[in-house]
PDB file of N, CA and C in Angstrom:
ATOM      1  N   MET A   1      -7.480  11.735 -13.799  1.00  0.00           N
ATOM      2  CA  MET A   1      -6.848  12.169 -12.577  1.00  0.00           C
ATOM      3  C   MET A   1      -5.343  11.951 -12.704  1.00  0.00           C
ATOM      4  N   ARG A   2      -4.568  12.898 -12.251  1.00  0.00           N
ATOM      5  CA  ARG A   2      -3.117  12.810 -12.289  1.00  0.00           C
ATOM      6  C   ARG A   2      -2.638  11.836 -11.221  1.00  0.00           C
ATOM      7  N   PRO A   3      -1.690  10.926 -11.550  1.00  0.00           N
ATOM      8  CA  PRO A   3      -1.227   9.963 -10.551  1.00  0.00           C
ATOM      9  C   PRO A   3      -0.422  10.630  -9.435  1.00  0.00           C
ATOM     10  N   LEU A   4      -0.494  10.041  -8.255  1.00  0.00           N
ATOM     11  CA  LEU A   4       0.275  10.540  -7.113  1.00  0.00           C
ATOM     12  C   LEU A   4       1.765  10.342  -7.361  1.00  0.00           C
ATOM     13  N   LEU A   5       2.100   9.189  -7.936  1.00  0.00           N
ATOM     14  CA  LEU A   5       3.489   8.871  -8.265  1.00  0.00           C
ATOM     15  C   LEU A   5       3.586   8.608  -9.756  1.00  0.00           C
ATOM     16  N   VAL A   6       4.712   8.975 -10.352  1.00  0.00           N
ATOM     17  CA  VAL A   6       4.927   8.725 -11.769  1.00  0.00           C
ATOM     18  C   VAL A   6       6.070   7.743 -11.940  1.00  0.00           C
ATOM     19  N   PRO A   7       6.115   7.031 -13.066  1.00  0.00           N
ATOM     20  CA  PRO A   7       7.202   6.079 -13.287  1.00  0.00           C
ATOM     21  C   PRO A   7       8.563   6.745 -13.124  1.00  0.00           C
ATOM     22  N   GLY A   8       9.449   6.061 -12.437  1.00  0.00           N
ATOM     23  CA  GLY A   8      10.792   6.584 -12.196  1.00  0.00           C
ATOM     24  C   GLY A   8      10.970   7.211 -10.828  1.00  0.00           C
ATOM     25  N   GLU A   9       9.857   7.605 -10.182  1.00  0.00           N
ATOM     26  CA  GLU A   9       9.968   8.133  -8.827  1.00  0.00           C
ATOM     27  C   GLU A   9      10.240   6.982  -7.864  1.00  0.00           C
ATOM     28  N   GLU A  10      11.007   7.256  -6.857  1.00  0.00           N
ATOM     29  CA  GLU A  10      11.274   6.270  -5.820  1.00  0.00           C
ATOM     30  C   GLU A  10      10.647   6.751  -4.524  1.00  0.00           C
ATOM     31  N   VAL A  11      10.363   5.810  -3.642  1.00  0.00           N
ATOM     32  CA  VAL A  11       9.807   6.153  -2.339  1.00  0.00           C
ATOM     33  C   VAL A  11      10.674   5.563  -1.241  1.00  0.00           C
ATOM     34  N   LEU A  12      10.678   6.219  -0.119  1.00  0.00           N
ATOM     35  CA  LEU A  12      11.307   5.679   1.079  1.00  0.00           C
ATOM     36  C   LEU A  12      10.197   5.162   1.972  1.00  0.00           C
ATOM     37  N   ILE A  13      10.434   3.995   2.563  1.00  0.00           N
ATOM     38  CA  ILE A  13       9.410   3.426   3.431  1.00  0.00           C
ATOM     39  C   ILE A  13       9.953   3.219   4.826  1.00  0.00           C
ATOM     40  N   ASP A  14       9.040   3.218   5.766  1.00  0.00           N
ATOM     41  CA  ASP A  14       9.320   2.902   7.154  1.00  0.00           C
ATOM     42  C   ASP A  14       8.816   1.480   7.359  1.00  0.00           C
ATOM     43  N   PRO A  15       9.723   0.479   7.378  1.00  0.00           N
ATOM     44  CA  PRO A  15       9.281  -0.914   7.503  1.00  0.00           C
ATOM     45  C   PRO A  15       8.583  -1.184   8.831  1.00  0.00           C
ATOM     46  N   PRO A  16       7.647  -2.143   8.839  1.00  0.00           N
ATOM     47  CA  PRO A  16       6.904  -2.452  10.070  1.00  0.00           C
ATOM     48  C   PRO A  16       7.794  -2.793  11.260  1.00  0.00           C
ATOM     49  N   ALA A  17       8.939  -3.422  11.019  1.00  0.00           N
ATOM     50  CA  ALA A  17       9.818  -3.808  12.127  1.00  0.00           C
ATOM     51  C   ALA A  17      10.347  -2.595  12.897  1.00  0.00           C
ATOM     52  N   TYR A  18      10.383  -1.433  12.244  1.00  0.00           N
ATOM     53  CA  TYR A  18      10.932  -0.237  12.885  1.00  0.00           C
ATOM     54  C   TYR A  18       9.872   0.786  13.259  1.00  0.00           C
ATOM     55  N   ARG A  19       8.627   0.541  12.872  1.00  0.00           N
ATOM     56  CA  ARG A  19       7.575   1.515  13.136  1.00  0.00           C
ATOM     57  C   ARG A  19       7.161   1.493  14.601  1.00  0.00           C
ATOM     58  N   ARG A  20       6.768   2.616  15.071  1.00  0.00           N
ATOM     59  CA  ARG A  20       6.340   2.731  16.464  1.00  0.00           C
ATOM     60  C   ARG A  20       4.846   2.548  16.640  1.00  0.00           C
ATOM     61  N   ARG A  21       4.127   2.431  15.515  1.00  0.00           N
ATOM     62  CA  ARG A  21       2.679   2.246  15.590  1.00  0.00           C
ATOM     63  C   ARG A  21       2.238   1.300  14.485  1.00  0.00           C
ATOM     64  N   ALA A  22       1.071   0.760  14.643  1.00  0.00           N
ATOM     65  CA  ALA A  22       0.530  -0.180  13.657  1.00  0.00           C
ATOM     66  C   ALA A  22       0.013   0.568  12.428  1.00  0.00           C
ATOM     67  N   THR A  23      -0.122  -0.147  11.331  1.00  0.00           N
ATOM     68  CA  THR A  23      -0.710   0.415  10.117  1.00  0.00           C
ATOM     69  C   THR A  23      -2.132   0.857  10.424  1.00  0.00           C
ATOM     70  N   LYS A  24      -2.492   2.044   9.927  1.00  0.00           N
ATOM     71  CA  LYS A  24      -3.834   2.560  10.205  1.00  0.00           C
ATOM     72  C   LYS A  24      -4.454   3.131   8.940  1.00  0.00           C
ATOM     73  N   GLN A  25      -5.745   3.363   8.999  1.00  0.00           N
ATOM     74  CA  GLN A  25      -6.482   3.953   7.897  1.00  0.00           C
ATOM     75  C   GLN A  25      -5.837   5.277   7.503  1.00  0.00           C
ATOM     76  N   GLY A  26      -5.673   5.486   6.205  1.00  0.00           N
ATOM     77  CA  GLY A  26      -5.082   6.728   5.713  1.00  0.00           C
ATOM     78  C   GLY A  26      -3.605   6.623   5.385  1.00  0.00           C
ATOM     79  N   ASP A  27      -2.943   5.547   5.810  1.00  0.00           N
ATOM     80  CA  ASP A  27      -1.526   5.356   5.495  1.00  0.00           C
ATOM     81  C   ASP A  27      -1.356   5.026   4.019  1.00  0.00           C
ATOM     82  N   LEU A  28      -0.309   5.541   3.414  1.00  0.00           N
ATOM     83  CA  LEU A  28       0.104   5.152   2.074  1.00  0.00           C
ATOM     84  C   LEU A  28       1.187   4.096   2.276  1.00  0.00           C
ATOM     85  N   VAL A  29       0.977   2.901   1.738  1.00  0.00           N
ATOM     86  CA  VAL A  29       1.883   1.794   2.024  1.00  0.00           C
ATOM     87  C   VAL A  29       2.371   1.113   0.745  1.00  0.00           C
ATOM     88  N   VAL A  30       3.498   0.432   0.888  1.00  0.00           N
ATOM     89  CA  VAL A  30       3.988  -0.486  -0.134  1.00  0.00           C
ATOM     90  C   VAL A  30       3.636  -1.882   0.363  1.00  0.00           C
ATOM     91  N   ALA A  31       2.985  -2.662  -0.497  1.00  0.00           N
ATOM     92  CA  ALA A  31       2.561  -4.010  -0.127  1.00  0.00           C
ATOM     93  C   ALA A  31       2.891  -4.977  -1.252  1.00  0.00           C
ATOM     94  N   GLU A  32       3.087  -6.226  -0.882  1.00  0.00           N
ATOM     95  CA  GLU A  32       3.262  -7.267  -1.888  1.00  0.00           C
ATOM     96  C   GLU A  32       1.879  -7.687  -2.368  1.00  0.00           C
ATOM     97  N   HIS A  33       1.722  -7.794  -3.677  1.00  0.00           N
ATOM     98  CA  HIS A  33       0.446  -8.200  -4.263  1.00  0.00           C
ATOM     99  C   HIS A  33       0.100  -9.599  -3.746  1.00  0.00           C
ATOM    100  N   PRO A  34      -1.109  -9.818  -3.257  1.00  0.00           N
ATOM    101  CA  PRO A  34      -1.456 -11.108  -2.663  1.00  0.00           C
ATOM    102  C   PRO A  34      -1.530 -12.264  -3.659  1.00  0.00           C
ATOM    103  N   GLN A  35      -1.647 -11.971  -4.944  1.00  0.00           N
ATOM    104  CA  GLN A  35      -1.759 -13.034  -5.948  1.00  0.00           C
ATOM    105  C   GLN A  35      -0.572 -13.083  -6.905  1.00  0.00           C
ATOM    106  N   ARG A  36       0.335 -12.116  -6.794  1.00  0.00           N
ATOM    107  CA  ARG A  36       1.511 -12.050  -7.676  1.00  0.00           C
ATOM    108  C   ARG A  36       2.756 -11.846  -6.833  1.00  0.00           C
ATOM    109  N   PRO A  37       3.322 -12.921  -6.265  1.00  0.00           N
ATOM    110  CA  PRO A  37       4.504 -12.792  -5.409  1.00  0.00           C
ATOM    111  C   PRO A  37       5.622 -12.004  -6.090  1.00  0.00           C
ATOM    112  N   GLY A  38       6.220 -11.109  -5.326  1.00  0.00           N
ATOM    113  CA  GLY A  38       7.302 -10.279  -5.841  1.00  0.00           C
ATOM    114  C   GLY A  38       6.850  -8.983  -6.486  1.00  0.00           C
ATOM    115  N   PHE A  39       5.551  -8.844  -6.765  1.00  0.00           N
ATOM    116  CA  PHE A  39       5.012  -7.628  -7.368  1.00  0.00           C
ATOM    117  C   PHE A  39       4.576  -6.697  -6.251  1.00  0.00           C
ATOM    118  N   ARG A  40       5.084  -5.484  -6.256  1.00  0.00           N
ATOM    119  CA  ARG A  40       4.779  -4.534  -5.184  1.00  0.00           C
ATOM    120  C   ARG A  40       3.794  -3.471  -5.638  1.00  0.00           C
ATOM    121  N   LEU A  41       2.938  -3.083  -4.708  1.00  0.00           N
ATOM    122  CA  LEU A  41       1.904  -2.082  -4.942  1.00  0.00           C
ATOM    123  C   LEU A  41       2.104  -0.911  -3.993  1.00  0.00           C
ATOM    124  N   ILE A  42       1.694   0.258  -4.414  1.00  0.00           N
ATOM    125  CA  ILE A  42       1.625   1.414  -3.516  1.00  0.00           C
ATOM    126  C   ILE A  42       0.169   1.835  -3.488  1.00  0.00           C
ATOM    127  N   LYS A  43      -0.448   1.705  -2.312  1.00  0.00           N
ATOM    128  CA  LYS A  43      -1.887   1.959  -2.177  1.00  0.00           C
ATOM    129  C   LYS A  43      -2.183   2.620  -0.832  1.00  0.00           C
ATOM    130  N   TRP A  44      -3.376   3.195  -0.746  1.00  0.00           N
ATOM    131  CA  TRP A  44      -3.873   3.763   0.503  1.00  0.00           C
ATOM    132  C   TRP A  44      -4.575   2.681   1.314  1.00  0.00           C
ATOM    133  N   VAL A  45      -4.383   2.716   2.619  1.00  0.00           N
ATOM    134  CA  VAL A  45      -5.117   1.830   3.522  1.00  0.00           C
ATOM    135  C   VAL A  45      -6.449   2.513   3.807  1.00  0.00           C
ATOM    136  N   VAL A  46      -7.559   1.848   3.439  1.00  0.00           N
ATOM    137  CA  VAL A  46      -8.875   2.441   3.690  1.00  0.00           C
ATOM    138  C   VAL A  46      -9.591   1.766   4.857  1.00  0.00           C
ATOM    139  N   ALA A  47      -9.120   0.585   5.243  1.00  0.00           N
ATOM    140  CA  ALA A  47      -9.693  -0.101   6.408  1.00  0.00           C
ATOM    141  C   ALA A  47      -8.668  -1.108   6.928  1.00  0.00           C
ATOM    142  N   VAL A  48      -8.679  -1.280   8.246  1.00  0.00           N
ATOM    143  CA  VAL A  48      -7.813  -2.264   8.901  1.00  0.00           C
ATOM    144  C   VAL A  48      -8.692  -3.119   9.801  1.00  0.00           C
ATOM    145  N   GLU A  49      -8.642  -4.419   9.583  1.00  0.00           N
ATOM    146  CA  GLU A  49      -9.424  -5.383  10.353  1.00  0.00           C
ATOM    147  C   GLU A  49      -8.502  -6.523  10.772  1.00  0.00           C
ATOM    148  N   PRO A  50      -8.984  -7.436  11.609  1.00  0.00           N
ATOM    149  CA  PRO A  50      -8.136  -8.575  12.011  1.00  0.00           C
ATOM    150  C   PRO A  50      -7.604  -9.385  10.820  1.00  0.00           C
ATOM    151  N   GLN A  51      -8.378  -9.470   9.721  1.00  0.00           N
ATOM    152  CA  GLN A  51      -7.929 -10.250   8.567  1.00  0.00           C
ATOM    153  C   GLN A  51      -6.899  -9.519   7.715  1.00  0.00           C
ATOM    154  N   GLY A  52      -6.631  -8.245   7.981  1.00  0.00           N
ATOM    155  CA  GLY A  52      -5.618  -7.504   7.240  1.00  0.00           C
ATOM    156  C   GLY A  52      -6.066  -6.102   6.883  1.00  0.00           C
ATOM    157  N   CYS A  53      -5.534  -5.609   5.767  1.00  0.00           N
ATOM    158  CA  CYS A  53      -5.800  -4.242   5.322  1.00  0.00           C
ATOM    159  C   CYS A  53      -6.543  -4.256   3.994  1.00  0.00           C
ATOM    160  N   PHE A  54      -7.473  -3.325   3.846  1.00  0.00           N
ATOM    161  CA  PHE A  54      -8.182  -3.133   2.582  1.00  0.00           C
ATOM    162  C   PHE A  54      -7.502  -1.957   1.908  1.00  0.00           C
ATOM    163  N   LEU A  55      -6.921  -2.181   0.735  1.00  0.00           N
ATOM    164  CA  LEU A  55      -6.121  -1.173   0.046  1.00  0.00           C
ATOM    165  C   LEU A  55      -6.841  -0.670  -1.192  1.00  0.00           C
ATOM    166  N   GLN A  56      -6.704   0.645  -1.460  1.00  0.00           N
ATOM    167  CA  GLN A  56      -7.278   1.236  -2.672  1.00  0.00           C
ATOM    168  C   GLN A  56      -6.295   2.227  -3.261  1.00  0.00           C
ATOM    169  N   GLY A  57      -6.344   2.320  -4.604  1.00  0.00           N
ATOM    170  CA  GLY A  57      -5.559   3.320  -5.298  1.00  0.00           C
ATOM    171  C   GLY A  57      -6.265   4.658  -5.272  1.00  0.00           C
ATOM    172  N   ILE A  58      -5.520   5.716  -5.550  1.00  0.00           N
ATOM    173  CA  ILE A  58      -6.102   7.055  -5.516  1.00  0.00           C
ATOM    174  C   ILE A  58      -7.080   7.257  -6.684  1.00  0.00           C
ATOM    175  N   ASP A  59      -6.790   6.655  -7.842  1.00  0.00           N
ATOM    176  CA  ASP A  59      -7.676   6.751  -9.003  1.00  0.00           C
ATOM    177  C   ASP A  59      -8.501   5.465  -9.054  1.00  0.00           C
ATOM    178  N   ARG A  60      -9.622   5.476  -8.373  1.00  0.00           N
ATOM    179  CA  ARG A  60     -10.422   4.257  -8.218  1.00  0.00           C
ATOM    180  C   ARG A  60     -10.844   3.640  -9.545  1.00  0.00           C
ATOM    181  N   ALA A  61     -11.058   4.452 -10.562  1.00  0.00           N
ATOM    182  CA  ALA A  61     -11.503   3.933 -11.855  1.00  0.00           C
ATOM    183  C   ALA A  61     -10.406   3.145 -12.567  1.00  0.00           C
ATOM    184  N   ALA A  62      -9.147   3.449 -12.275  1.00  0.00           N
ATOM    185  CA  ALA A  62      -8.040   2.813 -12.994  1.00  0.00           C
ATOM    186  C   ALA A  62      -7.171   1.917 -12.108  1.00  0.00           C
ATOM    187  N   SER A  63      -7.534   1.741 -10.858  1.00  0.00           N
ATOM    188  CA  SER A  63      -6.689   0.993  -9.927  1.00  0.00           C
ATOM    189  C   SER A  63      -7.117  -0.464  -9.786  1.00  0.00           C
ATOM    190  N   THR A  64      -6.125  -1.314  -9.686  1.00  0.00           N
ATOM    191  CA  THR A  64      -6.354  -2.693  -9.278  1.00  0.00           C
ATOM    192  C   THR A  64      -5.979  -2.729  -7.806  1.00  0.00           C
ATOM    193  N   ASP A  65      -6.940  -3.061  -6.968  1.00  0.00           N
ATOM    194  CA  ASP A  65      -6.703  -2.978  -5.532  1.00  0.00           C
ATOM    195  C   ASP A  65      -7.555  -4.013  -4.805  1.00  0.00           C
ATOM    196  N   SER A  66      -7.805  -3.812  -3.530  1.00  0.00           N
ATOM    197  CA  SER A  66      -8.542  -4.801  -2.732  1.00  0.00           C
ATOM    198  C   SER A  66      -9.961  -5.061  -3.242  1.00  0.00           C
ATOM    199  N   ARG A  67     -10.502  -4.166  -4.028  1.00  0.00           N
ATOM    200  CA  ARG A  67     -11.808  -4.430  -4.634  1.00  0.00           C
ATOM    201  C   ARG A  67     -11.711  -5.587  -5.619  1.00  0.00           C
ATOM    202  N   THR A  68     -10.505  -5.840  -6.128  1.00  0.00           N
ATOM    203  CA  THR A  68     -10.261  -6.935  -7.070  1.00  0.00           C
ATOM    204  C   THR A  68      -9.707  -8.171  -6.366  1.00  0.00           C
ATOM    205  N   PHE A  69      -8.667  -7.979  -5.531  1.00  0.00           N
ATOM    206  CA  PHE A  69      -7.971  -9.129  -4.944  1.00  0.00           C
ATOM    207  C   PHE A  69      -8.242  -9.354  -3.467  1.00  0.00           C
ATOM    208  N   GLY A  70      -9.074  -8.544  -2.860  1.00  0.00           N
ATOM    209  CA  GLY A  70      -9.457  -8.758  -1.465  1.00  0.00           C
ATOM    210  C   GLY A  70      -8.500  -8.171  -0.445  1.00  0.00           C
ATOM    211  N   TRP A  71      -8.727  -8.532   0.800  1.00  0.00           N
ATOM    212  CA  TRP A  71      -7.943  -8.027   1.931  1.00  0.00           C
ATOM    213  C   TRP A  71      -6.496  -8.502   1.806  1.00  0.00           C
ATOM    214  N   VAL A  72      -5.573  -7.662   2.245  1.00  0.00           N
ATOM    215  CA  VAL A  72      -4.145  -7.981   2.195  1.00  0.00           C
ATOM    216  C   VAL A  72      -3.652  -8.213   3.623  1.00  0.00           C
ATOM    217  N   SER A  73      -3.023  -9.349   3.837  1.00  0.00           N
ATOM    218  CA  SER A  73      -2.476  -9.682   5.149  1.00  0.00           C
ATOM    219  C   SER A  73      -1.488  -8.613   5.599  1.00  0.00           C
ATOM    220  N   ARG A  74      -1.463  -8.319   6.876  1.00  0.00           N
ATOM    221  CA  ARG A  74      -0.502  -7.348   7.411  1.00  0.00           C
ATOM    222  C   ARG A  74       0.931  -7.797   7.156  1.00  0.00           C
ATOM    223  N   LEU A  75       1.136  -9.110   7.022  1.00  0.00           N
ATOM    224  CA  LEU A  75       2.479  -9.626   6.743  1.00  0.00           C
ATOM    225  C   LEU A  75       2.962  -9.218   5.350  1.00  0.00           C
ATOM    226  N   ARG A  76       2.042  -8.851   4.471  1.00  0.00           N
ATOM    227  CA  ARG A  76       2.402  -8.413   3.115  1.00  0.00           C
ATOM    228  C   ARG A  76       2.611  -6.903   3.025  1.00  0.00           C
ATOM    229  N   ILE A  77       2.380  -6.183   4.111  1.00  0.00           N
ATOM    230  CA  ILE A  77       2.637  -4.745   4.131  1.00  0.00           C
ATOM    231  C   ILE A  77       4.139  -4.563   4.384  1.00  0.00           C
ATOM    232  N   LEU A  78       4.840  -4.022   3.396  1.00  0.00           N
ATOM    233  CA  LEU A  78       6.296  -3.885   3.483  1.00  0.00           C
ATOM    234  C   LEU A  78       6.722  -2.618   4.207  1.00  0.00           C
ATOM    235  N   GLY A  79       5.859  -1.621   4.243  1.00  0.00           N
ATOM    236  CA  GLY A  79       6.175  -0.407   4.973  1.00  0.00           C
ATOM    237  C   GLY A  79       5.294   0.753   4.560  1.00  0.00           C
ATOM    238  N   GLN A  80       5.316   1.787   5.394  1.00  0.00           N
ATOM    239  CA  GLN A  80       4.570   3.013   5.122  1.00  0.00           C
ATOM    240  C   GLN A  80       5.460   3.945   4.320  1.00  0.00           C
ATOM    241  N   VAL A  81       4.906   4.550   3.280  1.00  0.00           N
ATOM    242  CA  VAL A  81       5.658   5.528   2.488  1.00  0.00           C
ATOM    243  C   VAL A  81       5.841   6.781   3.339  1.00  0.00           C
ATOM    244  N   VAL A  82       7.103   7.221   3.486  1.00  0.00           N
ATOM    245  CA  VAL A  82       7.360   8.407   4.293  1.00  0.00           C
ATOM    246  C   VAL A  82       7.792   9.605   3.437  1.00  0.00           C
ATOM    247  N   CYS A  83       8.317   9.329   2.230  1.00  0.00           N
ATOM    248  CA  CYS A  83       8.602  10.413   1.289  1.00  0.00           C
ATOM    249  C   CYS A  83       8.858   9.833  -0.087  1.00  0.00           C
ATOM    250  N   ARG A  84       8.763  10.685  -1.079  1.00  0.00           N
ATOM    251  CA  ARG A  84       9.057  10.260  -2.444  1.00  0.00           C
ATOM    252  C   ARG A  84      10.259  11.031  -2.961  1.00  0.00           C
ATOM    253  N   VAL A  85      11.009  10.390  -3.868  1.00  0.00           N
ATOM    254  CA  VAL A  85      12.229  10.972  -4.412  1.00  0.00           C
ATOM    255  C   VAL A  85      12.043  11.047  -5.921  1.00  0.00           C
ATOM    256  N   PRO A  86      11.964  12.278  -6.476  1.00  0.00           N
ATOM    257  CA  PRO A  86      11.762  12.413  -7.924  1.00  0.00           C
ATOM    258  C   PRO A  86      12.953  11.888  -8.723  1.00  0.00           C
TER     259      PRO A  86
END
């Protein structure tokens, strides 16, 4: 499967502090990896619960995501991707 983003592309995000709505299922977000501080991920939100967000990559066979590291706290969601810059 072809990746949604390729190395070198940049994304613009809408940080939670400025968003008018909460993170919801279907959002593409930038999040801090829960086990690797400072490492950022771009993943789809597939579920939102009180404990946080369940994130998955578009290529499930090749993605490291919540199936590996579990639910991600909403505090680790850095923002929703609003556009990409080639």
